[in-house]
Amino acid sequence: MENNNTASIIEMMNQYGYAIGKGMVDSNILKTISDRLDGYYERDHARFGRDFLLEINELEVIRNVIEYDPVFIDLLEKTQEVDNAIEQLLHKYAIIHNYNLIRLFPDIKTNMLGHQWHRDVYYFGSGIRTAVNIMIPLQKTTVANGATELIPGSHLHPDLPDADYIEKNKIAAELEPGDVLFCDAATFHSAGKNTSDTPRTIIVLKYTLSFFTQQYDFCRALPVETYSDHIKGRLGYYVRVAENIKDFRVKPELRKYKWPLRY
């Protein structure tokens, strides 16, 4: 079930709703992120307040990690194999809906959605894919430190299976640094329980079809004009919403929303 070949990833995704690509991410980039990881969380907790983040179930998550370090843009630029798979699984002009870090602490479990069985997009019908999650571990991910659990094939069904079915069929996605877990966003999944003595952290991106609303406005939050055209596209630069009629009634190539030109 583990193959970097795009055709195999697509086959796995179609049948099971998930696939694992081995060694798809540059180890040097992951080391840089890992070395700086504690600093990201310290900054995030200082910025918003640790107690407040705990109260709103956001303690484990850093949102829009690009704001904290441009290395996360480098990661996008240097994972072409992953990007190619996203094109095949969704569309050439798929956009990033969210780009986060999620850390499971061994001594803290909040009511974060990720601790429950959930799917990250509405069910639109069997075989209809509108979004794909990718998860990149920063250390070896095992059952012991909370590997993501999935219910294979659940992306093809409208409802969460019963508890007995889940217990018999769930799998834990154990990963090495550099591996990538692809997950149809309609596949039911959940964070595992971290019973180790150290935090487990993964990078999580969700890609959607370009007409979906993003989790936040990357183009206002980041210096997107300085990025490559491809990264601009992935961050939604070419599907921005006009602020008013005057903003829309310009030559098509000058419009913020370039759907007719790009499709």
C-alpha atoms as a PDB file:
ATOM      1  CA  MET A   1       0.000   0.000   0.000  1.00  0.00           C
ATOM      2  CA  GLU A   2       3.016   2.340   0.015  1.00  0.00           C
ATOM      3  CA  ASN A   3       4.297   3.592  -3.317  1.00  0.00           C
ATOM      4  CA  ASN A   4       5.549   6.949  -4.586  1.00  0.00           C
ATOM      5  CA  ASN A   5       4.302   6.233  -8.078  1.00  0.00           C
ATOM      6  CA  THR A   6       1.511   8.724  -8.762  1.00  0.00           C
ATOM      7  CA  ALA A   7      -0.670   6.093 -10.444  1.00  0.00           C
ATOM      8  CA  SER A   8      -0.427   3.895  -7.331  1.00  0.00           C
ATOM      9  CA  ILE A   9      -1.243   6.838  -5.065  1.00  0.00           C
ATOM     10  CA  ILE A  10      -4.322   7.591  -7.163  1.00  0.00           C
ATOM     11  CA  GLU A  11      -5.388   3.935  -7.096  1.00  0.00           C
ATOM     12  CA  MET A  12      -4.995   3.779  -3.324  1.00  0.00           C
ATOM     13  CA  MET A  13      -6.851   7.068  -2.863  1.00  0.00           C
ATOM     14  CA  ASN A  14      -9.735   5.940  -5.065  1.00  0.00           C
ATOM     15  CA  GLN A  15     -10.140   2.612  -3.290  1.00  0.00           C
ATOM     16  CA  TYR A  16      -9.184   3.324   0.317  1.00  0.00           C
ATOM     17  CA  GLY A  17      -9.274   7.119   0.652  1.00  0.00           C
ATOM     18  CA  TYR A  18      -5.624   7.349   1.668  1.00  0.00           C
ATOM     19  CA  ALA A  19      -2.131   6.565   0.376  1.00  0.00           C
ATOM     20  CA  ILE A  20       1.425   6.792   1.705  1.00  0.00           C
ATOM     21  CA  GLY A  21       4.262   8.165  -0.403  1.00  0.00           C
ATOM     22  CA  LYS A  22       7.688   7.181   0.896  1.00  0.00           C
ATOM     23  CA  GLY A  23      10.514   9.734   1.114  1.00  0.00           C
ATOM     24  CA  MET A  24       8.804  12.442  -0.901  1.00  0.00           C
ATOM     25  CA  VAL A  25      10.004  15.460   1.119  1.00  0.00           C
ATOM     26  CA  ASP A  26      13.527  16.903   1.330  1.00  0.00           C
ATOM     27  CA  SER A  27      15.114  15.828   4.618  1.00  0.00           C
ATOM     28  CA  ASN A  28      17.130  19.074   4.916  1.00  0.00           C
ATOM     29  CA  ILE A  29      13.965  21.184   4.883  1.00  0.00           C
ATOM     30  CA  LEU A  30      12.362  18.952   7.499  1.00  0.00           C
ATOM     31  CA  LYS A  31      15.464  19.196   9.692  1.00  0.00           C
ATOM     32  CA  THR A  32      15.367  22.998   9.479  1.00  0.00           C
ATOM     33  CA  ILE A  33      11.718  23.018  10.521  1.00  0.00           C
ATOM     34  CA  SER A  34      12.338  20.509  13.310  1.00  0.00           C
ATOM     35  CA  ASP A  35      15.249  22.567  14.669  1.00  0.00           C
ATOM     36  CA  ARG A  36      13.013  25.663  14.824  1.00  0.00           C
ATOM     37  CA  LEU A  37       9.843  23.927  15.945  1.00  0.00           C
ATOM     38  CA  ASP A  38       9.880  24.846  19.627  1.00  0.00           C
ATOM     39  CA  GLY A  39      10.428  28.477  18.662  1.00  0.00           C
ATOM     40  CA  TYR A  40       7.317  28.488  16.447  1.00  0.00           C
ATOM     41  CA  TYR A  41       5.156  27.249  19.316  1.00  0.00           C
ATOM     42  CA  GLU A  42       6.737  29.652  21.803  1.00  0.00           C
ATOM     43  CA  ARG A  43       5.986  32.560  19.461  1.00  0.00           C
ATOM     44  CA  ASP A  44       2.440  31.376  18.811  1.00  0.00           C
ATOM     45  CA  HIS A  45       1.688  30.950  22.509  1.00  0.00           C
ATOM     46  CA  ALA A  46       3.226  34.339  23.301  1.00  0.00           C
ATOM     47  CA  ARG A  47       1.274  35.976  20.488  1.00  0.00           C
ATOM     48  CA  PHE A  48      -2.168  34.667  21.438  1.00  0.00           C
ATOM     49  CA  GLY A  49      -1.752  33.495  25.034  1.00  0.00           C
ATOM     50  CA  ARG A  50      -1.367  29.855  25.992  1.00  0.00           C
ATOM     51  CA  ASP A  51      -4.407  29.837  28.257  1.00  0.00           C
ATOM     52  CA  PHE A  52      -6.598  31.386  25.563  1.00  0.00           C
ATOM     53  CA  LEU A  53      -5.413  28.869  22.962  1.00  0.00           C
ATOM     54  CA  LEU A  54      -6.178  26.066  25.393  1.00  0.00           C
ATOM     55  CA  GLU A  55      -9.635  27.532  26.011  1.00  0.00           C
ATOM     56  CA  ILE A  56     -10.504  27.621  22.289  1.00  0.00           C
ATOM     57  CA  ASN A  57      -8.934  24.201  21.529  1.00  0.00           C
ATOM     58  CA  GLU A  58      -6.111  25.682  19.436  1.00  0.00           C
ATOM     59  CA  LEU A  59      -3.137  24.886  21.669  1.00  0.00           C
ATOM     60  CA  GLU A  60      -1.910  22.071  19.424  1.00  0.00           C
ATOM     61  CA  VAL A  61      -2.247  23.971  16.155  1.00  0.00           C
ATOM     62  CA  ILE A  62      -0.216  26.726  14.497  1.00  0.00           C
ATOM     63  CA  ARG A  63      -2.259  28.279  11.693  1.00  0.00           C
ATOM     64  CA  ASN A  64      -0.746  29.704   8.497  1.00  0.00           C
ATOM     65  CA  VAL A  65       2.786  28.572   9.338  1.00  0.00           C
ATOM     66  CA  ILE A  66       4.182  30.562   6.402  1.00  0.00           C
ATOM     67  CA  GLU A  67       3.826  33.666   8.584  1.00  0.00           C
ATOM     68  CA  TYR A  68       6.401  32.174  10.960  1.00  0.00           C
ATOM     69  CA  ASP A  69       9.075  31.073   8.506  1.00  0.00           C
ATOM     70  CA  PRO A  70       9.646  31.267   4.716  1.00  0.00           C
ATOM     71  CA  VAL A  71      11.045  27.717   4.875  1.00  0.00           C
ATOM     72  CA  PHE A  72       7.434  26.586   4.459  1.00  0.00           C
ATOM     73  CA  ILE A  73       7.405  28.202   1.008  1.00  0.00           C
ATOM     74  CA  ASP A  74      10.633  26.328   0.220  1.00  0.00           C
ATOM     75  CA  LEU A  75       8.884  23.116   1.180  1.00  0.00           C
ATOM     76  CA  LEU A  76       6.151  23.811  -1.394  1.00  0.00           C
ATOM     77  CA  GLU A  77       8.705  24.671  -4.075  1.00  0.00           C
ATOM     78  CA  LYS A  78      10.766  21.536  -3.493  1.00  0.00           C
ATOM     79  CA  THR A  79       8.047  18.898  -3.273  1.00  0.00           C
ATOM     80  CA  GLN A  80       7.231  18.677  -6.968  1.00  0.00           C
ATOM     81  CA  GLU A  81       6.313  15.000  -6.742  1.00  0.00           C
ATOM     82  CA  VAL A  82       3.685  15.818  -4.135  1.00  0.00           C
ATOM     83  CA  ASP A  83       2.417  18.719  -6.236  1.00  0.00           C
ATOM     84  CA  ASN A  84       2.131  16.484  -9.292  1.00  0.00           C
ATOM     85  CA  ALA A  85       0.043  14.023  -7.283  1.00  0.00           C
ATOM     86  CA  ILE A  86      -2.252  16.839  -6.142  1.00  0.00           C
ATOM     87  CA  GLU A  87      -2.772  17.851  -9.777  1.00  0.00           C
ATOM     88  CA  GLN A  88      -3.793  14.307 -10.656  1.00  0.00           C
ATOM     89  CA  LEU A  89      -5.984  13.860  -7.602  1.00  0.00           C
ATOM     90  CA  LEU A  90      -7.745  17.245  -7.826  1.00  0.00           C
ATOM     91  CA  HIS A  91      -6.872  19.750 -10.554  1.00  0.00           C
ATOM     92  CA  LYS A  92      -3.954  21.624 -12.025  1.00  0.00           C
ATOM     93  CA  TYR A  93      -5.206  24.802 -10.353  1.00  0.00           C
ATOM     94  CA  ALA A  94      -6.083  23.372  -6.947  1.00  0.00           C
ATOM     95  CA  ILE A  95      -5.419  25.814  -4.117  1.00  0.00           C
ATOM     96  CA  ILE A  96      -4.221  25.476  -0.542  1.00  0.00           C
ATOM     97  CA  HIS A  97      -7.091  25.788   1.910  1.00  0.00           C
ATOM     98  CA  ASN A  98      -4.944  25.653   5.061  1.00  0.00           C
ATOM     99  CA  TYR A  99      -1.275  25.134   5.956  1.00  0.00           C
ATOM    100  CA  ASN A 100      -0.748  24.234   9.602  1.00  0.00           C
ATOM    101  CA  LEU A 101       1.411  22.503  12.162  1.00  0.00           C
ATOM    102  CA  ILE A 102      -0.316  20.102  14.549  1.00  0.00           C
ATOM    103  CA  ARG A 103       1.469  18.886  17.670  1.00  0.00           C
ATOM    104  CA  LEU A 104       0.187  16.181  19.978  1.00  0.00           C
ATOM    105  CA  PHE A 105       1.469  16.738  23.489  1.00  0.00           C
ATOM    106  CA  PRO A 106       1.827  13.613  25.651  1.00  0.00           C
ATOM    107  CA  ASP A 107       0.314  15.266  28.724  1.00  0.00           C
ATOM    108  CA  ILE A 108      -2.448  17.392  27.146  1.00  0.00           C
ATOM    109  CA  LYS A 109      -5.538  16.426  25.172  1.00  0.00           C
ATOM    110  CA  THR A 110      -7.985  19.223  24.413  1.00  0.00           C
ATOM    111  CA  ASN A 111     -11.317  19.085  22.618  1.00  0.00           C
ATOM    112  CA  MET A 112      -9.609  19.844  19.309  1.00  0.00           C
ATOM    113  CA  LEU A 113     -11.655  18.427  16.425  1.00  0.00           C
ATOM    114  CA  GLY A 114      -8.673  16.315  15.380  1.00  0.00           C
ATOM    115  CA  HIS A 115      -9.071  14.083  18.439  1.00  0.00           C
ATOM    116  CA  GLN A 116     -12.492  12.941  17.195  1.00  0.00           C
ATOM    117  CA  TRP A 117     -13.522  10.947  14.146  1.00  0.00           C
ATOM    118  CA  HIS A 118     -14.188  13.563  11.504  1.00  0.00           C
ATOM    119  CA  ARG A 119     -13.893  14.363   7.819  1.00  0.00           C
ATOM    120  CA  ASP A 120     -12.512  17.667   6.538  1.00  0.00           C
ATOM    121  CA  VAL A 121     -15.032  18.317   3.790  1.00  0.00           C
ATOM    122  CA  TYR A 122     -18.707  17.649   3.216  1.00  0.00           C
ATOM    123  CA  TYR A 123     -19.660  14.375   1.535  1.00  0.00           C
ATOM    124  CA  PHE A 124     -20.749  15.239  -2.009  1.00  0.00           C
ATOM    125  CA  GLY A 125     -21.262  11.684  -3.253  1.00  0.00           C
ATOM    126  CA  SER A 126     -19.294   8.499  -3.807  1.00  0.00           C
ATOM    127  CA  GLY A 127     -16.304   9.106  -6.067  1.00  0.00           C
ATOM    128  CA  ILE A 128     -16.570  12.909  -5.947  1.00  0.00           C
ATOM    129  CA  ARG A 129     -13.290  14.348  -4.644  1.00  0.00           C
ATOM    130  CA  THR A 130     -13.168  18.030  -3.753  1.00  0.00           C
ATOM    131  CA  ALA A 131     -10.238  18.180  -1.328  1.00  0.00           C
ATOM    132  CA  VAL A 132      -7.085  16.306  -0.334  1.00  0.00           C
ATOM    133  CA  ASN A 133      -5.147  16.485   2.929  1.00  0.00           C
ATOM    134  CA  ILE A 134      -1.444  15.806   3.049  1.00  0.00           C
ATOM    135  CA  MET A 135       0.362  15.126   6.315  1.00  0.00           C
ATOM    136  CA  ILE A 136       4.143  15.274   6.656  1.00  0.00           C
ATOM    137  CA  PRO A 137       5.703  14.011   9.902  1.00  0.00           C
ATOM    138  CA  LEU A 138       8.675  15.751  11.486  1.00  0.00           C
ATOM    139  CA  GLN A 139       9.689  12.609  13.360  1.00  0.00           C
ATOM    140  CA  LYS A 140       8.906   8.927  13.149  1.00  0.00           C
ATOM    141  CA  THR A 141       5.176   8.576  13.710  1.00  0.00           C
ATOM    142  CA  THR A 142       3.913   5.446  15.426  1.00  0.00           C
ATOM    143  CA  VAL A 143       0.862   4.186  17.278  1.00  0.00           C
ATOM    144  CA  ALA A 144       2.676   5.027  20.511  1.00  0.00           C
ATOM    145  CA  ASN A 145       3.063   8.729  19.720  1.00  0.00           C
ATOM    146  CA  GLY A 146      -0.334   9.236  18.135  1.00  0.00           C
ATOM    147  CA  ALA A 147      -0.171   8.284  14.458  1.00  0.00           C
ATOM    148  CA  THR A 148      -3.209   9.462  12.502  1.00  0.00           C
ATOM    149  CA  GLU A 149      -5.943   6.823  12.384  1.00  0.00           C
ATOM    150  CA  LEU A 150      -8.138   6.348   9.315  1.00  0.00           C
ATOM    151  CA  ILE A 151     -11.161   4.294   8.310  1.00  0.00           C
ATOM    152  CA  PRO A 152     -10.283   2.885   4.867  1.00  0.00           C
ATOM    153  CA  GLY A 153     -13.011   3.343   2.265  1.00  0.00           C
ATOM    154  CA  SER A 154     -15.072   5.714   4.387  1.00  0.00           C
ATOM    155  CA  HIS A 155     -14.724   8.449   1.747  1.00  0.00           C
ATOM    156  CA  LEU A 156     -17.213   6.452  -0.348  1.00  0.00           C
ATOM    157  CA  HIS A 157     -20.004   6.550   2.256  1.00  0.00           C
ATOM    158  CA  PRO A 158     -22.122   9.392   3.631  1.00  0.00           C
ATOM    159  CA  ASP A 159     -22.009   8.498   7.317  1.00  0.00           C
ATOM    160  CA  LEU A 160     -19.544   7.495  10.019  1.00  0.00           C
ATOM    161  CA  PRO A 161     -19.596   3.687  10.473  1.00  0.00           C
ATOM    162  CA  ASP A 162     -20.653   2.206  13.794  1.00  0.00           C
ATOM    163  CA  ALA A 163     -18.161   1.734  16.612  1.00  0.00           C
ATOM    164  CA  ASP A 164     -17.746  -2.007  16.036  1.00  0.00           C
ATOM    165  CA  TYR A 165     -16.895  -1.526  12.369  1.00  0.00           C
ATOM    166  CA  ILE A 166     -14.447   1.248  13.215  1.00  0.00           C
ATOM    167  CA  GLU A 167     -12.651  -0.850  15.804  1.00  0.00           C
ATOM    168  CA  LYS A 168     -12.253  -3.765  13.388  1.00  0.00           C
ATOM    169  CA  ASN A 169     -11.202  -1.768  10.346  1.00  0.00           C
ATOM    170  CA  LYS A 170      -9.329   1.365  11.435  1.00  0.00           C
ATOM    171  CA  ILE A 171      -5.647   1.651  10.596  1.00  0.00           C
ATOM    172  CA  ALA A 172      -2.851   3.815  12.004  1.00  0.00           C
ATOM    173  CA  ALA A 173      -0.645   5.558   9.421  1.00  0.00           C
ATOM    174  CA  GLU A 174       2.873   4.982  10.734  1.00  0.00           C
ATOM    175  CA  LEU A 175       5.329   7.224   8.895  1.00  0.00           C
ATOM    176  CA  GLU A 176       9.009   8.087   8.673  1.00  0.00           C
ATOM    177  CA  PRO A 177      10.241  11.690   8.260  1.00  0.00           C
ATOM    178  CA  GLY A 178      10.015  12.506   4.563  1.00  0.00           C
ATOM    179  CA  ASP A 179       6.965  10.311   4.007  1.00  0.00           C
ATOM    180  CA  VAL A 180       3.673  11.879   2.996  1.00  0.00           C
ATOM    181  CA  LEU A 181       0.225  10.684   3.991  1.00  0.00           C
ATOM    182  CA  PHE A 182      -2.346  11.593   1.337  1.00  0.00           C
ATOM    183  CA  CYS A 183      -5.916  11.517   2.590  1.00  0.00           C
ATOM    184  CA  ASP A 184      -9.117  12.215   0.691  1.00  0.00           C
ATOM    185  CA  ALA A 185     -10.644  14.927   2.861  1.00  0.00           C
ATOM    186  CA  ALA A 186     -13.905  12.948   2.942  1.00  0.00           C
ATOM    187  CA  THR A 187     -12.155   9.996   4.625  1.00  0.00           C
ATOM    188  CA  PHE A 188     -12.962   9.766   8.322  1.00  0.00           C
ATOM    189  CA  HIS A 189      -9.808  10.123  10.392  1.00  0.00           C
ATOM    190  CA  SER A 190      -8.646  11.034  13.881  1.00  0.00           C
ATOM    191  CA  ALA A 191      -5.461  11.847  15.725  1.00  0.00           C
ATOM    192  CA  GLY A 192      -4.172   8.917  17.736  1.00  0.00           C
ATOM    193  CA  LYS A 193      -3.293   9.136  21.408  1.00  0.00           C
ATOM    194  CA  ASN A 194       0.262  10.155  22.253  1.00  0.00           C
ATOM    195  CA  THR A 195       1.363   7.774  25.005  1.00  0.00           C
ATOM    196  CA  SER A 196       5.069   8.542  24.553  1.00  0.00           C
ATOM    197  CA  ASP A 197       7.033  11.093  26.582  1.00  0.00           C
ATOM    198  CA  THR A 198       7.662  13.570  23.730  1.00  0.00           C
ATOM    199  CA  PRO A 199       5.412  15.661  21.444  1.00  0.00           C
ATOM    200  CA  ARG A 200       4.550  14.390  17.956  1.00  0.00           C
ATOM    201  CA  THR A 201       4.310  17.071  15.267  1.00  0.00           C
ATOM    202  CA  ILE A 202       3.116  16.927  11.661  1.00  0.00           C
ATOM    203  CA  ILE A 203       2.785  19.473   8.874  1.00  0.00           C
ATOM    204  CA  VAL A 204      -0.756  19.460   7.492  1.00  0.00           C
ATOM    205  CA  LEU A 205      -1.977  20.999   4.243  1.00  0.00           C
ATOM    206  CA  LYS A 206      -5.410  20.772   2.708  1.00  0.00           C
ATOM    207  CA  TYR A 207      -5.779  21.337  -1.022  1.00  0.00           C
ATOM    208  CA  THR A 208      -9.193  22.089  -2.508  1.00  0.00           C
ATOM    209  CA  LEU A 209     -10.719  22.888  -5.865  1.00  0.00           C
ATOM    210  CA  SER A 210     -10.157  26.570  -6.509  1.00  0.00           C
ATOM    211  CA  PHE A 211     -13.711  27.775  -5.918  1.00  0.00           C
ATOM    212  CA  PHE A 212     -13.701  26.641  -2.275  1.00  0.00           C
ATOM    213  CA  THR A 213     -13.294  29.311   0.396  1.00  0.00           C
ATOM    214  CA  GLN A 214      -9.894  29.158   2.095  1.00  0.00           C
ATOM    215  CA  GLN A 215      -9.445  28.895   5.849  1.00  0.00           C
ATOM    216  CA  TYR A 216      -7.792  32.314   5.809  1.00  0.00           C
ATOM    217  CA  ASP A 217      -6.755  34.908   3.241  1.00  0.00           C
ATOM    218  CA  PHE A 218      -3.168  34.012   2.385  1.00  0.00           C
ATOM    219  CA  CYS A 219      -2.975  36.832  -0.138  1.00  0.00           C
ATOM    220  CA  ARG A 220      -3.612  39.488   2.520  1.00  0.00           C
ATOM    221  CA  ALA A 221      -1.564  37.813   5.237  1.00  0.00           C
ATOM    222  CA  LEU A 222       1.587  37.120   3.216  1.00  0.00           C
ATOM    223  CA  PRO A 223       3.902  38.891   0.724  1.00  0.00           C
ATOM    224  CA  VAL A 224       2.459  36.752  -2.055  1.00  0.00           C
ATOM    225  CA  GLU A 225       3.673  39.132  -4.790  1.00  0.00           C
ATOM    226  CA  THR A 226       7.228  37.987  -4.031  1.00  0.00           C
ATOM    227  CA  TYR A 227       6.489  34.287  -4.659  1.00  0.00           C
ATOM    228  CA  SER A 228       6.727  32.355  -7.905  1.00  0.00           C
ATOM    229  CA  ASP A 229       3.674  32.271 -10.167  1.00  0.00           C
ATOM    230  CA  HIS A 230       3.094  28.635  -9.249  1.00  0.00           C
ATOM    231  CA  ILE A 231       3.122  29.296  -5.503  1.00  0.00           C
ATOM    232  CA  LYS A 232       0.897  32.341  -6.010  1.00  0.00           C
ATOM    233  CA  GLY A 233      -1.567  30.051  -7.723  1.00  0.00           C
ATOM    234  CA  ARG A 234      -1.479  27.454  -4.963  1.00  0.00           C
ATOM    235  CA  LEU A 235      -2.134  30.198  -2.378  1.00  0.00           C
ATOM    236  CA  GLY A 236      -5.183  31.436  -4.291  1.00  0.00           C
ATOM    237  CA  TYR A 237      -3.731  34.571  -5.871  1.00  0.00           C
ATOM    238  CA  TYR A 238      -5.564  33.998  -9.151  1.00  0.00           C
ATOM    239  CA  VAL A 239      -8.961  33.299  -7.620  1.00  0.00           C
ATOM    240  CA  ARG A 240      -9.289  36.300  -5.330  1.00  0.00           C
ATOM    241  CA  VAL A 241     -12.660  37.999  -4.954  1.00  0.00           C
ATOM    242  CA  ALA A 242     -13.255  41.463  -6.412  1.00  0.00           C
ATOM    243  CA  GLU A 243     -14.026  43.984  -3.678  1.00  0.00           C
ATOM    244  CA  ASN A 244     -16.622  45.860  -5.721  1.00  0.00           C
ATOM    245  CA  ILE A 245     -18.084  46.223  -9.225  1.00  0.00           C
ATOM    246  CA  LYS A 246     -15.410  48.718 -10.269  1.00  0.00           C
ATOM    247  CA  ASP A 247     -12.743  46.230  -9.184  1.00  0.00           C
ATOM    248  CA  PHE A 248     -14.411  43.548 -11.340  1.00  0.00           C
ATOM    249  CA  ARG A 249     -15.122  45.626 -14.453  1.00  0.00           C
ATOM    250  CA  VAL A 250     -11.621  45.742 -15.830  1.00  0.00           C
ATOM    251  CA  LYS A 251      -9.988  43.816 -18.649  1.00  0.00           C
ATOM    252  CA  PRO A 252     -10.221  40.073 -17.887  1.00  0.00           C
ATOM    253  CA  GLU A 253      -6.460  39.688 -17.545  1.00  0.00           C
ATOM    254  CA  LEU A 254      -6.459  42.384 -14.820  1.00  0.00           C
ATOM    255  CA  ARG A 255      -9.201  40.828 -12.724  1.00  0.00           C
ATOM    256  CA  LYS A 256      -8.317  39.243  -9.408  1.00  0.00           C
ATOM    257  CA  TYR A 257     -10.509  36.247 -10.190  1.00  0.00           C
ATOM    258  CA  LYS A 258      -9.031  34.679 -13.318  1.00  0.00           C
ATOM    259  CA  TRP A 259     -11.158  31.526 -13.579  1.00  0.00           C
ATOM    260  CA  PRO A 260     -12.131  32.053 -17.267  1.00  0.00           C
ATOM    261  CA  LEU A 261      -8.468  32.573 -18.230  1.00  0.00           C
ATOM    262  CA  ARG A 262      -7.050  29.634 -16.309  1.00  0.00           C
ATOM    263  CA  TYR A 263      -9.545  26.909 -17.166  1.00  0.00           C
END
